[in-house]
């Protein structure tokens, strides 16, 4: 599958994939990690998260890797992880964003006086 088909990623997709880069996470942990990574600038609603997760499962960017039942509330948590394709897309998007920042920097944009 061609990486260009997936780029550019939406901000939501980028942060979800970024949150899964170090290790598998369940939905609520993804929401918390995205919030932390973005300094609370990106706050995912559960509907937004699960719509994005379904799309990423379908396109092969992530996989479901297991379920755990938590004693506190007896609810099952589904865990997701980045696939090789997902990592490739995340790396490509990171490079694309880096190139954009380099261009803006060359034009001295975004710098405070």
PDB file of N, CA and C in Angstrom:
ATOM      1  N   UNK A   1       0.846  -1.180   0.000  1.00  0.00           N
ATOM      2  CA  UNK A   1       0.000   0.000   0.000  1.00  0.00           C
ATOM      3  C   UNK A   1       0.890   1.241   0.000  1.00  0.00           C
ATOM      4  N   UNK A   2       0.541   2.211  -0.809  1.00  0.00           N
ATOM      5  CA  UNK A   2       1.295   3.442  -0.959  1.00  0.00           C
ATOM      6  C   UNK A   2       1.071   4.370   0.233  1.00  0.00           C
ATOM      7  N   UNK A   3       2.166   4.869   0.793  1.00  0.00           N
ATOM      8  CA  UNK A   3       2.046   5.771   1.949  1.00  0.00           C
ATOM      9  C   UNK A   3       1.305   7.046   1.598  1.00  0.00           C
ATOM     10  N   UNK A   4       1.492   7.525   0.398  1.00  0.00           N
ATOM     11  CA  UNK A   4       0.872   8.789  -0.009  1.00  0.00           C
ATOM     12  C   UNK A   4      -0.654   8.736   0.064  1.00  0.00           C
ATOM     13  N   UNK A   5      -1.220   7.547  -0.058  1.00  0.00           N
ATOM     14  CA  UNK A   5      -2.678   7.401   0.025  1.00  0.00           C
ATOM     15  C   UNK A   5      -3.210   7.830   1.386  1.00  0.00           C
ATOM     16  N   UNK A   6      -2.377   7.736   2.415  1.00  0.00           N
ATOM     17  CA  UNK A   6      -2.807   8.019   3.781  1.00  0.00           C
ATOM     18  C   UNK A   6      -2.466   9.431   4.240  1.00  0.00           C
ATOM     19  N   UNK A   7      -1.681  10.153   3.440  1.00  0.00           N
ATOM     20  CA  UNK A   7      -1.206  11.469   3.859  1.00  0.00           C
ATOM     21  C   UNK A   7      -1.942  12.579   3.147  1.00  0.00           C
ATOM     22  N   UNK A   8      -2.100  13.722   3.765  1.00  0.00           N
ATOM     23  CA  UNK A   8      -1.721  14.029   5.138  1.00  0.00           C
ATOM     24  C   UNK A   8      -2.713  13.409   6.120  1.00  0.00           C
ATOM     25  N   UNK A   9      -2.222  13.103   7.310  1.00  0.00           N
ATOM     26  CA  UNK A   9      -3.097  12.604   8.371  1.00  0.00           C
ATOM     27  C   UNK A   9      -3.858  13.766   8.990  1.00  0.00           C
ATOM     28  N   UNK A  10      -5.045  13.480   9.460  1.00  0.00           N
ATOM     29  CA  UNK A  10      -5.750  14.487  10.254  1.00  0.00           C
ATOM     30  C   UNK A  10      -5.011  14.622  11.582  1.00  0.00           C
ATOM     31  N   UNK A  11      -5.222  15.721  12.262  1.00  0.00           N
ATOM     32  CA  UNK A  11      -4.593  15.918  13.563  1.00  0.00           C
ATOM     33  C   UNK A  11      -4.994  14.805  14.530  1.00  0.00           C
ATOM     34  N   UNK A  12      -6.261  14.434  14.497  1.00  0.00           N
ATOM     35  CA  UNK A  12      -6.750  13.355  15.360  1.00  0.00           C
ATOM     36  C   UNK A  12      -6.010  12.053  15.077  1.00  0.00           C
ATOM     37  N   UNK A  13      -5.918  11.671  13.815  1.00  0.00           N
ATOM     38  CA  UNK A  13      -5.234  10.425  13.448  1.00  0.00           C
ATOM     39  C   UNK A  13      -3.762  10.468  13.824  1.00  0.00           C
ATOM     40  N   UNK A  14      -3.119  11.598  13.585  1.00  0.00           N
ATOM     41  CA  UNK A  14      -1.706  11.737  13.926  1.00  0.00           C
ATOM     42  C   UNK A  14      -1.489  11.508  15.415  1.00  0.00           C
ATOM     43  N   UNK A  15      -2.291  12.151  16.247  1.00  0.00           N
ATOM     44  CA  UNK A  15      -2.108  12.012  17.692  1.00  0.00           C
ATOM     45  C   UNK A  15      -2.463  10.610  18.188  1.00  0.00           C
ATOM     46  N   UNK A  16      -3.457   9.975  17.591  1.00  0.00           N
ATOM     47  CA  UNK A  16      -3.787   8.599  17.995  1.00  0.00           C
ATOM     48  C   UNK A  16      -2.624   7.666  17.663  1.00  0.00           C
ATOM     49  N   UNK A  17      -2.101   7.760  16.443  1.00  0.00           N
ATOM     50  CA  UNK A  17      -0.965   6.915  16.069  1.00  0.00           C
ATOM     51  C   UNK A  17       0.249   7.220  16.943  1.00  0.00           C
ATOM     52  N   UNK A  18       0.478   8.490  17.212  1.00  0.00           N
ATOM     53  CA  UNK A  18       1.587   8.891  18.076  1.00  0.00           C
ATOM     54  C   UNK A  18       1.446   8.297  19.474  1.00  0.00           C
ATOM     55  N   UNK A  19       0.219   8.265  19.976  1.00  0.00           N
ATOM     56  CA  UNK A  19      -0.011   7.714  21.321  1.00  0.00           C
ATOM     57  C   UNK A  19       0.239   6.207  21.375  1.00  0.00           C
ATOM     58  N   UNK A  20       0.102   5.539  20.230  1.00  0.00           N
ATOM     59  CA  UNK A  20       0.306   4.089  20.177  1.00  0.00           C
ATOM     60  C   UNK A  20       1.746   3.700  19.836  1.00  0.00           C
ATOM     61  N   UNK A  21       2.582   4.672  19.494  1.00  0.00           N
ATOM     62  CA  UNK A  21       3.958   4.364  19.078  1.00  0.00           C
ATOM     63  C   UNK A  21       4.767   3.644  20.155  1.00  0.00           C
ATOM     64  N   UNK A  22       4.702   4.068  21.428  1.00  0.00           N
ATOM     65  CA  UNK A  22       5.530   3.378  22.425  1.00  0.00           C
ATOM     66  C   UNK A  22       4.992   2.012  22.843  1.00  0.00           C
ATOM     67  N   UNK A  23       3.665   1.868  22.920  1.00  0.00           N
ATOM     68  CA  UNK A  23       3.098   0.610  23.418  1.00  0.00           C
ATOM     69  C   UNK A  23       1.602   0.557  23.138  1.00  0.00           C
ATOM     70  N   UNK A  24       1.027  -0.653  23.161  1.00  0.00           N
ATOM     71  CA  UNK A  24      -0.425  -0.777  22.983  1.00  0.00           C
ATOM     72  C   UNK A  24      -1.177  -0.055  24.101  1.00  0.00           C
ATOM     73  N   UNK A  25      -2.357   0.439  23.775  1.00  0.00           N
ATOM     74  CA  UNK A  25      -3.193   1.135  24.763  1.00  0.00           C
ATOM     75  C   UNK A  25      -4.658   0.806  24.497  1.00  0.00           C
ATOM     76  N   UNK A  26      -5.469   0.949  25.533  1.00  0.00           N
ATOM     77  CA  UNK A  26      -6.921   0.842  25.364  1.00  0.00           C
ATOM     78  C   UNK A  26      -7.474   2.243  25.123  1.00  0.00           C
ATOM     79  N   UNK A  27      -8.743   2.315  24.751  1.00  0.00           N
ATOM     80  CA  UNK A  27      -9.350   3.569  24.340  1.00  0.00           C
ATOM     81  C   UNK A  27      -9.180   4.716  25.315  1.00  0.00           C
ATOM     82  N   UNK A  28      -9.507   4.492  26.580  1.00  0.00           N
ATOM     83  CA  UNK A  28      -9.402   5.575  27.563  1.00  0.00           C
ATOM     84  C   UNK A  28      -7.954   6.027  27.722  1.00  0.00           C
ATOM     85  N   UNK A  29      -7.011   5.088  27.685  1.00  0.00           N
ATOM     86  CA  UNK A  29      -5.591   5.442  27.782  1.00  0.00           C
ATOM     87  C   UNK A  29      -5.142   6.253  26.565  1.00  0.00           C
ATOM     88  N   UNK A  30      -5.699   5.954  25.396  1.00  0.00           N
ATOM     89  CA  UNK A  30      -5.387   6.737  24.195  1.00  0.00           C
ATOM     90  C   UNK A  30      -5.870   8.169  24.385  1.00  0.00           C
ATOM     91  N   UNK A  31      -7.094   8.334  24.871  1.00  0.00           N
ATOM     92  CA  UNK A  31      -7.643   9.673  25.108  1.00  0.00           C
ATOM     93  C   UNK A  31      -6.739  10.461  26.053  1.00  0.00           C
ATOM     94  N   UNK A  32      -6.320   9.831  27.151  1.00  0.00           N
ATOM     95  CA  UNK A  32      -5.468  10.508  28.138  1.00  0.00           C
ATOM     96  C   UNK A  32      -4.092  10.837  27.552  1.00  0.00           C
ATOM     97  N   UNK A  33      -3.524   9.911  26.790  1.00  0.00           N
ATOM     98  CA  UNK A  33      -2.197  10.132  26.212  1.00  0.00           C
ATOM     99  C   UNK A  33      -2.229  11.231  25.157  1.00  0.00           C
ATOM    100  N   UNK A  34      -3.261  11.256  24.321  1.00  0.00           N
ATOM    101  CA  UNK A  34      -3.392  12.317  23.317  1.00  0.00           C
ATOM    102  C   UNK A  34      -3.501  13.669  24.009  1.00  0.00           C
ATOM    103  N   UNK A  35      -4.275  13.733  25.057  1.00  0.00           N
ATOM    104  CA  UNK A  35      -4.401  14.972  25.826  1.00  0.00           C
ATOM    105  C   UNK A  35      -3.039  15.409  26.369  1.00  0.00           C
ATOM    106  N   UNK A  36      -2.291  14.475  26.930  1.00  0.00           N
ATOM    107  CA  UNK A  36      -0.971  14.796  27.492  1.00  0.00           C
ATOM    108  C   UNK A  36       0.022  15.208  26.403  1.00  0.00           C
ATOM    109  N   UNK A  37       0.054  14.458  25.300  1.00  0.00           N
ATOM    110  CA  UNK A  37       0.989  14.770  24.216  1.00  0.00           C
ATOM    111  C   UNK A  37       0.733  16.148  23.615  1.00  0.00           C
ATOM    112  N   UNK A  38      -0.524  16.554  23.590  1.00  0.00           N
ATOM    113  CA  UNK A  38      -0.893  17.828  22.964  1.00  0.00           C
ATOM    114  C   UNK A  38      -1.008  18.969  23.970  1.00  0.00           C
ATOM    115  N   UNK A  39      -0.546  18.751  25.188  1.00  0.00           N
ATOM    116  CA  UNK A  39      -0.708  19.756  26.253  1.00  0.00           C
ATOM    117  C   UNK A  39      -2.169  20.180  26.388  1.00  0.00           C
ATOM    118  N   UNK A  40      -3.054  19.198  26.310  1.00  0.00           N
ATOM    119  CA  UNK A  40      -4.506  19.354  26.445  1.00  0.00           C
ATOM    120  C   UNK A  40      -5.136  20.210  25.345  1.00  0.00           C
ATOM    121  N   UNK A  41      -4.428  20.364  24.224  1.00  0.00           N
ATOM    122  CA  UNK A  41      -4.988  21.099  23.088  1.00  0.00           C
ATOM    123  C   UNK A  41      -5.931  20.213  22.280  1.00  0.00           C
ATOM    124  N   UNK A  42      -5.646  18.902  22.253  1.00  0.00           N
ATOM    125  CA  UNK A  42      -6.503  17.948  21.545  1.00  0.00           C
ATOM    126  C   UNK A  42      -7.196  17.090  22.593  1.00  0.00           C
ATOM    127  N   UNK A  43      -8.504  17.274  22.709  1.00  0.00           N
ATOM    128  CA  UNK A  43      -9.315  16.527  23.670  1.00  0.00           C
ATOM    129  C   UNK A  43     -10.298  15.676  22.882  1.00  0.00           C
ATOM    130  N   UNK A  44     -10.038  14.386  22.832  1.00  0.00           N
ATOM    131  CA  UNK A  44     -10.861  13.484  22.023  1.00  0.00           C
ATOM    132  C   UNK A  44     -12.124  13.070  22.757  1.00  0.00           C
ATOM    133  N   UNK A  45     -13.246  13.198  22.079  1.00  0.00           N
ATOM    134  CA  UNK A  45     -14.495  12.620  22.580  1.00  0.00           C
ATOM    135  C   UNK A  45     -14.469  11.131  22.231  1.00  0.00           C
ATOM    136  N   UNK A  46     -15.174  10.325  23.005  1.00  0.00           N
ATOM    137  CA  UNK A  46     -15.147   8.879  22.756  1.00  0.00           C
ATOM    138  C   UNK A  46     -15.660   8.535  21.358  1.00  0.00           C
ATOM    139  N   UNK A  47     -16.689   9.227  20.902  1.00  0.00           N
ATOM    140  CA  UNK A  47     -17.219   8.964  19.563  1.00  0.00           C
ATOM    141  C   UNK A  47     -16.189   9.239  18.482  1.00  0.00           C
ATOM    142  N   UNK A  48     -15.464  10.336  18.626  1.00  0.00           N
ATOM    143  CA  UNK A  48     -14.403  10.684  17.678  1.00  0.00           C
ATOM    144  C   UNK A  48     -13.309   9.627  17.693  1.00  0.00           C
ATOM    145  N   UNK A  49     -12.911   9.214  18.891  1.00  0.00           N
ATOM    146  CA  UNK A  49     -11.858   8.208  19.022  1.00  0.00           C
ATOM    147  C   UNK A  49     -12.260   6.904  18.348  1.00  0.00           C
ATOM    148  N   UNK A  50     -13.429   6.376  18.677  1.00  0.00           N
ATOM    149  CA  UNK A  50     -13.796   5.055  18.166  1.00  0.00           C
ATOM    150  C   UNK A  50     -14.112   5.073  16.677  1.00  0.00           C
ATOM    151  N   UNK A  51     -14.574   6.200  16.149  1.00  0.00           N
ATOM    152  CA  UNK A  51     -14.739   6.329  14.697  1.00  0.00           C
ATOM    153  C   UNK A  51     -13.374   6.261  14.023  1.00  0.00           C
ATOM    154  N   UNK A  52     -12.407   6.987  14.572  1.00  0.00           N
ATOM    155  CA  UNK A  52     -11.050   6.978  14.017  1.00  0.00           C
ATOM    156  C   UNK A  52     -10.411   5.595  14.153  1.00  0.00           C
ATOM    157  N   UNK A  53     -10.591   4.943  15.302  1.00  0.00           N
ATOM    158  CA  UNK A  53     -10.019   3.604  15.496  1.00  0.00           C
ATOM    159  C   UNK A  53     -10.596   2.609  14.492  1.00  0.00           C
ATOM    160  N   UNK A  54     -11.907   2.668  14.256  1.00  0.00           N
ATOM    161  CA  UNK A  54     -12.526   1.764  13.271  1.00  0.00           C
ATOM    162  C   UNK A  54     -11.923   1.988  11.881  1.00  0.00           C
ATOM    163  N   UNK A  55     -11.747   3.257  11.508  1.00  0.00           N
ATOM    164  CA  UNK A  55     -11.171   3.577  10.205  1.00  0.00           C
ATOM    165  C   UNK A  55      -9.733   3.065  10.115  1.00  0.00           C
ATOM    166  N   UNK A  56      -8.961   3.242  11.181  1.00  0.00           N
ATOM    167  CA  UNK A  56      -7.565   2.796  11.172  1.00  0.00           C
ATOM    168  C   UNK A  56      -7.444   1.273  11.201  1.00  0.00           C
ATOM    169  N   UNK A  57      -8.373   0.606  11.870  1.00  0.00           N
ATOM    170  CA  UNK A  57      -8.405  -0.866  11.835  1.00  0.00           C
ATOM    171  C   UNK A  57      -8.668  -1.342  10.409  1.00  0.00           C
ATOM    172  N   UNK A  58      -9.624  -0.699   9.760  1.00  0.00           N
ATOM    173  CA  UNK A  58     -10.022  -1.084   8.403  1.00  0.00           C
ATOM    174  C   UNK A  58      -8.890  -0.879   7.398  1.00  0.00           C
ATOM    175  N   UNK A  59      -8.104   0.191   7.584  1.00  0.00           N
ATOM    176  CA  UNK A  59      -7.023   0.480   6.641  1.00  0.00           C
ATOM    177  C   UNK A  59      -5.698  -0.166   7.037  1.00  0.00           C
ATOM    178  N   UNK A  60      -5.682  -0.888   8.155  1.00  0.00           N
ATOM    179  CA  UNK A  60      -4.492  -1.630   8.547  1.00  0.00           C
ATOM    180  C   UNK A  60      -3.420  -0.830   9.261  1.00  0.00           C
ATOM    181  N   UNK A  61      -3.756   0.368   9.741  1.00  0.00           N
ATOM    182  CA  UNK A  61      -2.766   1.176  10.463  1.00  0.00           C
ATOM    183  C   UNK A  61      -2.587   0.702  11.899  1.00  0.00           C
ATOM    184  N   UNK A  62      -3.631   0.097  12.454  1.00  0.00           N
ATOM    185  CA  UNK A  62      -3.576  -0.434  13.816  1.00  0.00           C
ATOM    186  C   UNK A  62      -4.220  -1.813  13.827  1.00  0.00           C
ATOM    187  N   UNK A  63      -3.967  -2.552  14.896  1.00  0.00           N
ATOM    188  CA  UNK A  63      -4.611  -3.849  15.128  1.00  0.00           C
ATOM    189  C   UNK A  63      -5.080  -3.906  16.570  1.00  0.00           C
ATOM    190  N   UNK A  64      -6.129  -4.673  16.780  1.00  0.00           N
ATOM    191  CA  UNK A  64      -6.557  -4.954  18.155  1.00  0.00           C
ATOM    192  C   UNK A  64      -5.705  -6.113  18.653  1.00  0.00           C
ATOM    193  N   UNK A  65      -5.136  -5.967  19.847  1.00  0.00           N
ATOM    194  CA  UNK A  65      -4.192  -6.986  20.318  1.00  0.00           C
ATOM    195  C   UNK A  65      -4.645  -7.730  21.556  1.00  0.00           C
ATOM    196  N   UNK A  66      -5.781  -7.423  22.081  1.00  0.00           N
ATOM    197  CA  UNK A  66      -6.232  -8.168  23.247  1.00  0.00           C
ATOM    198  C   UNK A  66      -7.255  -7.398  24.047  1.00  0.00           C
ATOM    199  N   UNK A  67      -7.748  -8.069  25.071  1.00  0.00           N
ATOM    200  CA  UNK A  67      -8.739  -7.462  25.948  1.00  0.00           C
ATOM    201  C   UNK A  67      -8.405  -7.846  27.379  1.00  0.00           C
ATOM    202  N   UNK A  68      -8.632  -6.921  28.281  1.00  0.00           N
ATOM    203  CA  UNK A  68      -8.476  -7.181  29.713  1.00  0.00           C
ATOM    204  C   UNK A  68      -9.742  -6.746  30.419  1.00  0.00           C
ATOM    205  N   UNK A  69     -10.125  -7.496  31.414  1.00  0.00           N
ATOM    206  CA  UNK A  69     -11.276  -7.116  32.228  1.00  0.00           C
ATOM    207  C   UNK A  69     -10.739  -6.468  33.502  1.00  0.00           C
ATOM    208  N   UNK A  70     -11.217  -5.266  33.795  1.00  0.00           N
ATOM    209  CA  UNK A  70     -10.766  -4.539  34.978  1.00  0.00           C
ATOM    210  C   UNK A  70     -11.677  -4.812  36.155  1.00  0.00           C
ATOM    211  N   UNK A  71     -11.080  -5.061  37.299  1.00  0.00           N
ATOM    212  CA  UNK A  71     -11.838  -5.404  38.503  1.00  0.00           C
ATOM    213  C   UNK A  71     -12.712  -4.253  38.980  1.00  0.00           C
ATOM    214  N   UNK A  72     -12.192  -3.007  38.841  1.00  0.00           N
ATOM    215  CA  UNK A  72     -12.921  -1.856  39.378  1.00  0.00           C
ATOM    216  C   UNK A  72     -14.349  -1.752  38.839  1.00  0.00           C
ATOM    217  N   UNK A  73     -14.492  -1.909  37.538  1.00  0.00           N
ATOM    218  CA  UNK A  73     -15.820  -1.732  36.944  1.00  0.00           C
ATOM    219  C   UNK A  73     -16.283  -2.943  36.130  1.00  0.00           C
ATOM    220  N   UNK A  74     -15.484  -4.015  36.128  1.00  0.00           N
ATOM    221  CA  UNK A  74     -15.829  -5.251  35.418  1.00  0.00           C
ATOM    222  C   UNK A  74     -16.041  -5.031  33.911  1.00  0.00           C
ATOM    223  N   UNK A  75     -15.420  -3.976  33.363  1.00  0.00           N
ATOM    224  CA  UNK A  75     -15.545  -3.701  31.933  1.00  0.00           C
ATOM    225  C   UNK A  75     -14.315  -4.205  31.196  1.00  0.00           C
ATOM    226  N   UNK A  76     -14.545  -4.676  29.988  1.00  0.00           N
ATOM    227  CA  UNK A  76     -13.433  -5.134  29.160  1.00  0.00           C
ATOM    228  C   UNK A  76     -12.810  -3.948  28.439  1.00  0.00           C
ATOM    229  N   UNK A  77     -11.505  -3.939  28.383  1.00  0.00           N
ATOM    230  CA  UNK A  77     -10.763  -2.908  27.668  1.00  0.00           C
ATOM    231  C   UNK A  77     -10.104  -3.563  26.453  1.00  0.00           C
ATOM    232  N   UNK A  78     -10.378  -3.019  25.277  1.00  0.00           N
ATOM    233  CA  UNK A  78      -9.750  -3.507  24.049  1.00  0.00           C
ATOM    234  C   UNK A  78      -8.462  -2.720  23.834  1.00  0.00           C
ATOM    235  N   UNK A  79      -7.387  -3.439  23.569  1.00  0.00           N
ATOM    236  CA  UNK A  79      -6.087  -2.809  23.352  1.00  0.00           C
ATOM    237  C   UNK A  79      -5.767  -2.754  21.864  1.00  0.00           C
ATOM    238  N   UNK A  80      -5.125  -1.662  21.463  1.00  0.00           N
ATOM    239  CA  UNK A  80      -4.755  -1.428  20.068  1.00  0.00           C
ATOM    240  C   UNK A  80      -3.261  -1.164  19.990  1.00  0.00           C
ATOM    241  N   UNK A  81      -2.664  -1.576  18.874  1.00  0.00           N
ATOM    242  CA  UNK A  81      -1.254  -1.239  18.663  1.00  0.00           C
ATOM    243  C   UNK A  81      -1.027  -0.864  17.206  1.00  0.00           C
ATOM    244  N   UNK A  82       0.075  -0.199  16.987  1.00  0.00           N
ATOM    245  CA  UNK A  82       0.480   0.256  15.671  1.00  0.00           C
ATOM    246  C   UNK A  82       0.992  -0.931  14.861  1.00  0.00           C
ATOM    247  N   UNK A  83       0.546  -1.054  13.625  1.00  0.00           N
ATOM    248  CA  UNK A  83       1.094  -2.070  12.722  1.00  0.00           C
ATOM    249  C   UNK A  83       2.360  -1.511  12.059  1.00  0.00           C
ATOM    250  N   UNK A  84       3.040  -2.354  11.300  1.00  0.00           N
ATOM    251  CA  UNK A  84       4.205  -1.854  10.544  1.00  0.00           C
ATOM    252  C   UNK A  84       3.782  -0.749   9.583  1.00  0.00           C
ATOM    253  N   UNK A  85       2.634  -0.949   8.932  1.00  0.00           N
ATOM    254  CA  UNK A  85       2.132   0.088   8.032  1.00  0.00           C
ATOM    255  C   UNK A  85       1.824   1.358   8.814  1.00  0.00           C
ATOM    256  N   UNK A  86       1.191   1.219   9.964  1.00  0.00           N
ATOM    257  CA  UNK A  86       0.880   2.384  10.788  1.00  0.00           C
ATOM    258  C   UNK A  86       2.125   3.147  11.182  1.00  0.00           C
ATOM    259  N   UNK A  87       3.183   2.419  11.541  1.00  0.00           N
ATOM    260  CA  UNK A  87       4.452   3.068  11.909  1.00  0.00           C
ATOM    261  C   UNK A  87       5.061   3.770  10.705  1.00  0.00           C
ATOM    262  N   UNK A  88       4.968   3.124   9.540  1.00  0.00           N
ATOM    263  CA  UNK A  88       5.496   3.719   8.309  1.00  0.00           C
ATOM    264  C   UNK A  88       4.758   5.023   7.991  1.00  0.00           C
ATOM    265  N   UNK A  89       3.445   5.012   8.154  1.00  0.00           N
ATOM    266  CA  UNK A  89       2.641   6.203   7.890  1.00  0.00           C
ATOM    267  C   UNK A  89       2.957   7.291   8.915  1.00  0.00           C
ATOM    268  N   UNK A  90       3.083   6.922  10.178  1.00  0.00           N
ATOM    269  CA  UNK A  90       3.429   7.893  11.220  1.00  0.00           C
ATOM    270  C   UNK A  90       4.793   8.518  10.934  1.00  0.00           C
ATOM    271  N   UNK A  91       5.767   7.714  10.548  1.00  0.00           N
ATOM    272  CA  UNK A  91       7.092   8.239  10.205  1.00  0.00           C
ATOM    273  C   UNK A  91       7.019   9.177   9.003  1.00  0.00           C
ATOM    274  N   UNK A  92       6.250   8.793   7.975  1.00  0.00           N
ATOM    275  CA  UNK A  92       6.121   9.623   6.777  1.00  0.00           C
ATOM    276  C   UNK A  92       5.439  10.947   7.100  1.00  0.00           C
ATOM    277  N   UNK A  93       4.419  10.915   7.935  1.00  0.00           N
ATOM    278  CA  UNK A  93       3.723  12.149   8.317  1.00  0.00           C
ATOM    279  C   UNK A  93       4.635  13.042   9.153  1.00  0.00           C
ATOM    280  N   UNK A  94       5.416  12.438  10.040  1.00  0.00           N
ATOM    281  CA  UNK A  94       6.359  13.212  10.849  1.00  0.00           C
ATOM    282  C   UNK A  94       7.380  13.904   9.952  1.00  0.00           C
ATOM    283  N   UNK A  95       7.875  13.199   8.957  1.00  0.00           N
ATOM    284  CA  UNK A  95       8.825  13.799   8.012  1.00  0.00           C
ATOM    285  C   UNK A  95       8.160  14.903   7.193  1.00  0.00           C
ATOM    286  N   UNK A  96       6.921  14.691   6.773  1.00  0.00           N
ATOM    287  CA  UNK A  96       6.190  15.712   6.011  1.00  0.00           C
ATOM    288  C   UNK A  96       6.039  16.982   6.845  1.00  0.00           C
ATOM    289  N   UNK A  97       5.671  16.820   8.108  1.00  0.00           N
ATOM    290  CA  UNK A  97       5.516  17.974   9.002  1.00  0.00           C
ATOM    291  C   UNK A  97       6.862  18.656   9.255  1.00  0.00           C
ATOM    292  N   UNK A  98       7.920  17.864   9.383  1.00  0.00           N
ATOM    293  CA  UNK A  98       9.264  18.422   9.587  1.00  0.00           C
ATOM    294  C   UNK A  98       9.661  19.296   8.397  1.00  0.00           C
ATOM    295  N   UNK A  99       9.365  18.827   7.192  1.00  0.00           N
ATOM    296  CA  UNK A  99       9.684  19.602   5.991  1.00  0.00           C
ATOM    297  C   UNK A  99       8.908  20.916   5.964  1.00  0.00           C
ATOM    298  N   UNK A 100       7.650  20.874   6.376  1.00  0.00           N
ATOM    299  CA  UNK A 100       6.855  22.105   6.432  1.00  0.00           C
ATOM    300  C   UNK A 100       7.432  23.087   7.446  1.00  0.00           C
ATOM    301  N   UNK A 101       7.830  22.585   8.604  1.00  0.00           N
ATOM    302  CA  UNK A 101       8.437  23.449   9.624  1.00  0.00           C
ATOM    303  C   UNK A 101       9.763  24.030   9.150  1.00  0.00           C
ATOM    304  N   UNK A 102      10.562  23.223   8.460  1.00  0.00           N
ATOM    305  CA  UNK A 102      11.831  23.719   7.922  1.00  0.00           C
ATOM    306  C   UNK A 102      11.594  24.853   6.929  1.00  0.00           C
ATOM    307  N   UNK A 103      10.606  24.696   6.072  1.00  0.00           N
ATOM    308  CA  UNK A 103      10.271  25.735   5.104  1.00  0.00           C
ATOM    309  C   UNK A 103       9.830  27.014   5.812  1.00  0.00           C
ATOM    310  N   UNK A 104       8.946  26.890   6.786  1.00  0.00           N
ATOM    311  CA  UNK A 104       8.484  28.062   7.536  1.00  0.00           C
ATOM    312  C   UNK A 104       9.650  28.736   8.255  1.00  0.00           C
ATOM    313  N   UNK A 105      10.554  27.941   8.775  1.00  0.00           N
ATOM    314  CA  UNK A 105      11.724  28.478   9.472  1.00  0.00           C
ATOM    315  C   UNK A 105      12.624  29.251   8.508  1.00  0.00           C
ATOM    316  N   UNK A 106      12.832  28.714   7.311  1.00  0.00           N
ATOM    317  CA  UNK A 106      13.649  29.404   6.303  1.00  0.00           C
ATOM    318  C   UNK A 106      13.048  30.753   5.937  1.00  0.00           C
ATOM    319  N   UNK A 107      11.738  30.836   5.987  1.00  0.00           N
ATOM    320  CA  UNK A 107      11.045  32.089   5.672  1.00  0.00           C
ATOM    321  C   UNK A 107      10.863  32.962   6.910  1.00  0.00           C
ATOM    322  N   UNK A 108      11.472  32.505   8.009  1.00  0.00           N
ATOM    323  CA  UNK A 108      11.414  33.209   9.292  1.00  0.00           C
ATOM    324  C   UNK A 108       9.978  33.444   9.759  1.00  0.00           C
ATOM    325  N   UNK A 109       9.148  32.446   9.550  1.00  0.00           N
ATOM    326  CA  UNK A 109       7.757  32.507   9.997  1.00  0.00           C
ATOM    327  C   UNK A 109       7.628  31.825  11.345  1.00  0.00           C
ATOM    328  N   UNK A 110       6.690  32.289  12.137  1.00  0.00           N
ATOM    329  CA  UNK A 110       6.406  31.660  13.415  1.00  0.00           C
ATOM    330  C   UNK A 110       7.359  32.045  14.522  1.00  0.00           C
ATOM    331  N   UNK A 111       8.283  32.930  14.233  1.00  0.00           N
ATOM    332  CA  UNK A 111       9.216  33.372  15.263  1.00  0.00           C
ATOM    333  C   UNK A 111       8.667  34.613  15.943  1.00  0.00           C
ATOM    334  N   UNK A 112       8.803  34.644  17.241  1.00  0.00           N
ATOM    335  CA  UNK A 112       8.333  35.814  17.982  1.00  0.00           C
ATOM    336  C   UNK A 112       9.430  36.867  18.021  1.00  0.00           C
ATOM    337  N   UNK A 113       9.053  38.137  17.873  1.00  0.00           N
ATOM    338  CA  UNK A 113      10.063  39.210  17.857  1.00  0.00           C
ATOM    339  C   UNK A 113      10.728  39.400  19.201  1.00  0.00           C
TER     340      UNK A 113
END
